[in-house]
Amino acid sequence: MAKAKKGAIEKIALKCSECNRRNYTTQKNRRNMQGKLELSKYCKFDKKHTLHVETKIK
């Protein structure tokens, strides 16, 4: 079998910066955005909006 090429779209997980749990999954375009994605999202474990940082999905 041939090895599949990596596409422009990549699946990522968003990890809470306070409780360090992966609460969200999303995708991003690697061609448009080279840096790590950082969003303010709601954390249901902390019960408030916190900064969520991009991590890889295993």
PDB file of N, CA and C in Angstrom:
ATOM      1  N   MET A   1       0.828  -1.186   0.000  1.00  0.00           N
ATOM      2  CA  MET A   1       0.000   0.000   0.000  1.00  0.00           C
ATOM      3  C   MET A   1       0.868   1.244   0.000  1.00  0.00           C
ATOM      4  N   ALA A   2       0.406   2.228  -0.703  1.00  0.00           N
ATOM      5  CA  ALA A   2       1.129   3.493  -0.751  1.00  0.00           C
ATOM      6  C   ALA A   2       0.804   4.325   0.482  1.00  0.00           C
ATOM      7  N   LYS A   3       1.761   5.119   0.893  1.00  0.00           N
ATOM      8  CA  LYS A   3       1.571   5.984   2.059  1.00  0.00           C
ATOM      9  C   LYS A   3       0.717   7.190   1.663  1.00  0.00           C
ATOM     10  N   ALA A   4      -0.259   7.527   2.486  1.00  0.00           N
ATOM     11  CA  ALA A   4      -1.156   8.643   2.180  1.00  0.00           C
ATOM     12  C   ALA A   4      -0.447   9.973   2.425  1.00  0.00           C
ATOM     13  N   LYS A   5      -0.728  10.931   1.549  1.00  0.00           N
ATOM     14  CA  LYS A   5      -0.161  12.271   1.713  1.00  0.00           C
ATOM     15  C   LYS A   5      -0.886  13.011   2.823  1.00  0.00           C
ATOM     16  N   LYS A   6      -0.162  13.897   3.483  1.00  0.00           N
ATOM     17  CA  LYS A   6      -0.797  14.757   4.481  1.00  0.00           C
ATOM     18  C   LYS A   6      -1.522  15.870   3.749  1.00  0.00           C
ATOM     19  N   GLY A   7      -2.749  16.092   4.123  1.00  0.00           N
ATOM     20  CA  GLY A   7      -3.530  17.150   3.512  1.00  0.00           C
ATOM     21  C   GLY A   7      -3.330  18.467   4.237  1.00  0.00           C
ATOM     22  N   ALA A   8      -4.020  19.490   3.783  1.00  0.00           N
ATOM     23  CA  ALA A   8      -3.909  20.801   4.404  1.00  0.00           C
ATOM     24  C   ALA A   8      -4.703  20.876   5.704  1.00  0.00           C
ATOM     25  N   ILE A   9      -5.760  20.077   5.806  1.00  0.00           N
ATOM     26  CA  ILE A   9      -6.610  20.093   6.989  1.00  0.00           C
ATOM     27  C   ILE A   9      -6.078  19.073   7.999  1.00  0.00           C
ATOM     28  N   GLU A  10      -5.968  19.509   9.250  1.00  0.00           N
ATOM     29  CA  GLU A  10      -5.439  18.668  10.315  1.00  0.00           C
ATOM     30  C   GLU A  10      -6.409  18.673  11.491  1.00  0.00           C
ATOM     31  N   LYS A  11      -6.683  17.509  12.073  1.00  0.00           N
ATOM     32  CA  LYS A  11      -7.542  17.428  13.245  1.00  0.00           C
ATOM     33  C   LYS A  11      -6.704  17.697  14.487  1.00  0.00           C
ATOM     34  N   ILE A  12      -7.233  18.532  15.390  1.00  0.00           N
ATOM     35  CA  ILE A  12      -6.520  18.892  16.609  1.00  0.00           C
ATOM     36  C   ILE A  12      -7.466  18.814  17.807  1.00  0.00           C
ATOM     37  N   ALA A  13      -6.890  18.775  18.991  1.00  0.00           N
ATOM     38  CA  ALA A  13      -7.655  18.827  20.237  1.00  0.00           C
ATOM     39  C   ALA A  13      -7.299  20.127  20.945  1.00  0.00           C
ATOM     40  N   LEU A  14      -8.250  20.674  21.700  1.00  0.00           N
ATOM     41  CA  LEU A  14      -8.007  21.886  22.480  1.00  0.00           C
ATOM     42  C   LEU A  14      -7.958  21.511  23.953  1.00  0.00           C
ATOM     43  N   LYS A  15      -6.838  21.828  24.607  1.00  0.00           N
ATOM     44  CA  LYS A  15      -6.608  21.478  26.004  1.00  0.00           C
ATOM     45  C   LYS A  15      -6.741  22.713  26.873  1.00  0.00           C
ATOM     46  N   CYS A  16      -7.466  22.594  27.977  1.00  0.00           N
ATOM     47  CA  CYS A  16      -7.644  23.688  28.922  1.00  0.00           C
ATOM     48  C   CYS A  16      -6.303  23.991  29.593  1.00  0.00           C
ATOM     49  N   SER A  17      -5.972  25.262  29.714  1.00  0.00           N
ATOM     50  CA  SER A  17      -4.690  25.647  30.309  1.00  0.00           C
ATOM     51  C   SER A  17      -4.707  25.551  31.833  1.00  0.00           C
ATOM     52  N   GLU A  18      -5.890  25.474  32.446  1.00  0.00           N
ATOM     53  CA  GLU A  18      -5.968  25.395  33.907  1.00  0.00           C
ATOM     54  C   GLU A  18      -6.111  23.958  34.422  1.00  0.00           C
ATOM     55  N   CYS A  19      -7.040  23.190  33.864  1.00  0.00           N
ATOM     56  CA  CYS A  19      -7.235  21.820  34.358  1.00  0.00           C
ATOM     57  C   CYS A  19      -6.512  20.776  33.503  1.00  0.00           C
ATOM     58  N   ASN A  20      -5.950  21.170  32.377  1.00  0.00           N
ATOM     59  CA  ASN A  20      -5.176  20.306  31.466  1.00  0.00           C
ATOM     60  C   ASN A  20      -5.971  19.117  30.918  1.00  0.00           C
ATOM     61  N   ARG A  21      -7.273  19.299  30.707  1.00  0.00           N
ATOM     62  CA  ARG A  21      -8.093  18.269  30.087  1.00  0.00           C
ATOM     63  C   ARG A  21      -8.411  18.678  28.661  1.00  0.00           C
ATOM     64  N   ARG A  22      -8.540  17.681  27.799  1.00  0.00           N
ATOM     65  CA  ARG A  22      -8.890  17.945  26.397  1.00  0.00           C
ATOM     66  C   ARG A  22     -10.404  17.986  26.290  1.00  0.00           C
ATOM     67  N   ASN A  23     -10.953  19.177  26.144  1.00  0.00           N
ATOM     68  CA  ASN A  23     -12.404  19.363  26.149  1.00  0.00           C
ATOM     69  C   ASN A  23     -13.010  19.446  24.755  1.00  0.00           C
ATOM     70  N   TYR A  24     -12.263  19.890  23.767  1.00  0.00           N
ATOM     71  CA  TYR A  24     -12.802  20.139  22.437  1.00  0.00           C
ATOM     72  C   TYR A  24     -11.915  19.524  21.369  1.00  0.00           C
ATOM     73  N   THR A  25     -12.519  19.170  20.231  1.00  0.00           N
ATOM     74  CA  THR A  25     -11.776  18.785  19.038  1.00  0.00           C
ATOM     75  C   THR A  25     -12.241  19.673  17.898  1.00  0.00           C
ATOM     76  N   THR A  26     -11.325  19.985  17.001  1.00  0.00           N
ATOM     77  CA  THR A  26     -11.637  20.831  15.857  1.00  0.00           C
ATOM     78  C   THR A  26     -10.625  20.528  14.772  1.00  0.00           C
ATOM     79  N   GLN A  27     -10.669  21.272  13.696  1.00  0.00           N
ATOM     80  CA  GLN A  27      -9.692  21.113  12.642  1.00  0.00           C
ATOM     81  C   GLN A  27      -9.202  22.478  12.190  1.00  0.00           C
ATOM     82  N   LYS A  28      -7.988  22.496  11.662  1.00  0.00           N
ATOM     83  CA  LYS A  28      -7.429  23.748  11.181  1.00  0.00           C
ATOM     84  C   LYS A  28      -6.708  23.505   9.869  1.00  0.00           C
ATOM     85  N   ASN A  29      -6.563  24.538   9.090  1.00  0.00           N
ATOM     86  CA  ASN A  29      -5.855  24.498   7.833  1.00  0.00           C
ATOM     87  C   ASN A  29      -4.401  24.867   8.093  1.00  0.00           C
ATOM     88  N   ARG A  30      -3.477  23.935   7.835  1.00  0.00           N
ATOM     89  CA  ARG A  30      -2.060  24.180   8.113  1.00  0.00           C
ATOM     90  C   ARG A  30      -1.456  25.245   7.209  1.00  0.00           C
ATOM     91  N   ARG A  31      -1.990  25.425   6.017  1.00  0.00           N
ATOM     92  CA  ARG A  31      -1.444  26.425   5.087  1.00  0.00           C
ATOM     93  C   ARG A  31      -1.746  27.846   5.541  1.00  0.00           C
ATOM     94  N   ASN A  32      -2.908  28.063   6.150  1.00  0.00           N
ATOM     95  CA  ASN A  32      -3.296  29.406   6.578  1.00  0.00           C
ATOM     96  C   ASN A  32      -2.792  29.750   7.968  1.00  0.00           C
ATOM     97  N   MET A  33      -2.584  28.753   8.813  1.00  0.00           N
ATOM     98  CA  MET A  33      -2.255  28.993  10.211  1.00  0.00           C
ATOM     99  C   MET A  33      -1.115  28.081  10.642  1.00  0.00           C
ATOM    100  N   GLN A  34       0.109  28.619  10.720  1.00  0.00           N
ATOM    101  CA  GLN A  34       1.255  27.796  11.062  1.00  0.00           C
ATOM    102  C   GLN A  34       1.442  27.658  12.568  1.00  0.00           C
ATOM    103  N   GLY A  35       1.095  28.673  13.338  1.00  0.00           N
ATOM    104  CA  GLY A  35       1.288  28.647  14.791  1.00  0.00           C
ATOM    105  C   GLY A  35       0.228  27.830  15.502  1.00  0.00           C
ATOM    106  N   LYS A  36       0.376  27.731  16.832  1.00  0.00           N
ATOM    107  CA  LYS A  36      -0.606  26.991  17.635  1.00  0.00           C
ATOM    108  C   LYS A  36      -1.858  27.831  17.828  1.00  0.00           C
ATOM    109  N   LEU A  37      -2.993  27.166  17.787  1.00  0.00           N
ATOM    110  CA  LEU A  37      -4.287  27.807  17.953  1.00  0.00           C
ATOM    111  C   LEU A  37      -4.578  28.008  19.435  1.00  0.00           C
ATOM    112  N   GLU A  38      -4.995  29.204  19.825  1.00  0.00           N
ATOM    113  CA  GLU A  38      -5.366  29.507  21.208  1.00  0.00           C
ATOM    114  C   GLU A  38      -6.716  30.204  21.198  1.00  0.00           C
ATOM    115  N   LEU A  39      -7.692  29.616  21.890  1.00  0.00           N
ATOM    116  CA  LEU A  39      -9.035  30.169  21.934  1.00  0.00           C
ATOM    117  C   LEU A  39      -9.532  30.220  23.371  1.00  0.00           C
ATOM    118  N   SER A  40     -10.400  31.183  23.652  1.00  0.00           N
ATOM    119  CA  SER A  40     -11.053  31.242  24.947  1.00  0.00           C
ATOM    120  C   SER A  40     -12.370  30.471  24.838  1.00  0.00           C
ATOM    121  N   LYS A  41     -12.431  29.312  25.508  1.00  0.00           N
ATOM    122  CA  LYS A  41     -13.596  28.445  25.450  1.00  0.00           C
ATOM    123  C   LYS A  41     -14.082  28.153  26.866  1.00  0.00           C
ATOM    124  N   TYR A  42     -15.304  27.626  26.969  1.00  0.00           N
ATOM    125  CA  TYR A  42     -15.879  27.298  28.266  1.00  0.00           C
ATOM    126  C   TYR A  42     -15.376  25.928  28.719  1.00  0.00           C
ATOM    127  N   CYS A  43     -14.878  25.847  29.943  1.00  0.00           N
ATOM    128  CA  CYS A  43     -14.445  24.588  30.546  1.00  0.00           C
ATOM    129  C   CYS A  43     -15.512  24.145  31.535  1.00  0.00           C
ATOM    130  N   LYS A  44     -16.124  22.985  31.285  1.00  0.00           N
ATOM    131  CA  LYS A  44     -17.205  22.524  32.159  1.00  0.00           C
ATOM    132  C   LYS A  44     -16.687  22.022  33.507  1.00  0.00           C
ATOM    133  N   PHE A  45     -15.391  21.726  33.603  1.00  0.00           N
ATOM    134  CA  PHE A  45     -14.829  21.271  34.872  1.00  0.00           C
ATOM    135  C   PHE A  45     -14.503  22.456  35.788  1.00  0.00           C
ATOM    136  N   ASP A  46     -14.062  23.580  35.211  1.00  0.00           N
ATOM    137  CA  ASP A  46     -13.787  24.790  35.990  1.00  0.00           C
ATOM    138  C   ASP A  46     -15.010  25.702  36.089  1.00  0.00           C
ATOM    139  N   LYS A  47     -16.003  25.441  35.242  1.00  0.00           N
ATOM    140  CA  LYS A  47     -17.242  26.222  35.176  1.00  0.00           C
ATOM    141  C   LYS A  47     -16.994  27.700  34.886  1.00  0.00           C
ATOM    142  N   LYS A  48     -16.065  27.974  33.942  1.00  0.00           N
ATOM    143  CA  LYS A  48     -15.781  29.339  33.497  1.00  0.00           C
ATOM    144  C   LYS A  48     -15.042  29.286  32.171  1.00  0.00           C
ATOM    145  N   HIS A  49     -14.913  30.428  31.526  1.00  0.00           N
ATOM    146  CA  HIS A  49     -14.166  30.525  30.289  1.00  0.00           C
ATOM    147  C   HIS A  49     -12.672  30.570  30.603  1.00  0.00           C
ATOM    148  N   THR A  50     -11.904  29.726  29.916  1.00  0.00           N
ATOM    149  CA  THR A  50     -10.465  29.668  30.107  1.00  0.00           C
ATOM    150  C   THR A  50      -9.789  29.598  28.745  1.00  0.00           C
ATOM    151  N   LEU A  51      -8.494  29.787  28.734  1.00  0.00           N
ATOM    152  CA  LEU A  51      -7.716  29.689  27.510  1.00  0.00           C
ATOM    153  C   LEU A  51      -7.485  28.224  27.169  1.00  0.00           C
ATOM    154  N   HIS A  52      -7.796  27.835  25.931  1.00  0.00           N
ATOM    155  CA  HIS A  52      -7.587  26.480  25.450  1.00  0.00           C
ATOM    156  C   HIS A  52      -6.531  26.531  24.359  1.00  0.00           C
ATOM    157  N   VAL A  53      -5.551  25.615  24.442  1.00  0.00           N
ATOM    158  CA  VAL A  53      -4.411  25.586  23.534  1.00  0.00           C
ATOM    159  C   VAL A  53      -4.453  24.326  22.704  1.00  0.00           C
ATOM    160  N   GLU A  54      -3.972  24.409  21.479  1.00  0.00           N
ATOM    161  CA  GLU A  54      -3.963  23.287  20.554  1.00  0.00           C
ATOM    162  C   GLU A  54      -2.995  22.181  20.993  1.00  0.00           C
ATOM    163  N   THR A  55      -3.453  20.930  20.896  1.00  0.00           N
ATOM    164  CA  THR A  55      -2.605  19.761  21.107  1.00  0.00           C
ATOM    165  C   THR A  55      -2.924  18.741  20.012  1.00  0.00           C
ATOM    166  N   LYS A  56      -2.057  17.776  19.838  1.00  0.00           N
ATOM    167  CA  LYS A  56      -2.277  16.747  18.837  1.00  0.00           C
ATOM    168  C   LYS A  56      -3.223  15.675  19.371  1.00  0.00           C
ATOM    169  N   ILE A  57      -3.988  15.065  18.456  1.00  0.00           N
ATOM    170  CA  ILE A  57      -4.845  13.949  18.796  1.00  0.00           C
ATOM    171  C   ILE A  57      -4.027  12.680  18.651  1.00  0.00           C
ATOM    172  N   LYS A  58      -4.065  11.826  19.648  1.00  0.00           N
ATOM    173  CA  LYS A  58      -3.286  10.581  19.597  1.00  0.00           C
ATOM    174  C   LYS A  58      -4.005   9.523  18.813  1.00  0.00           C
TER     175      LYS A  58
END
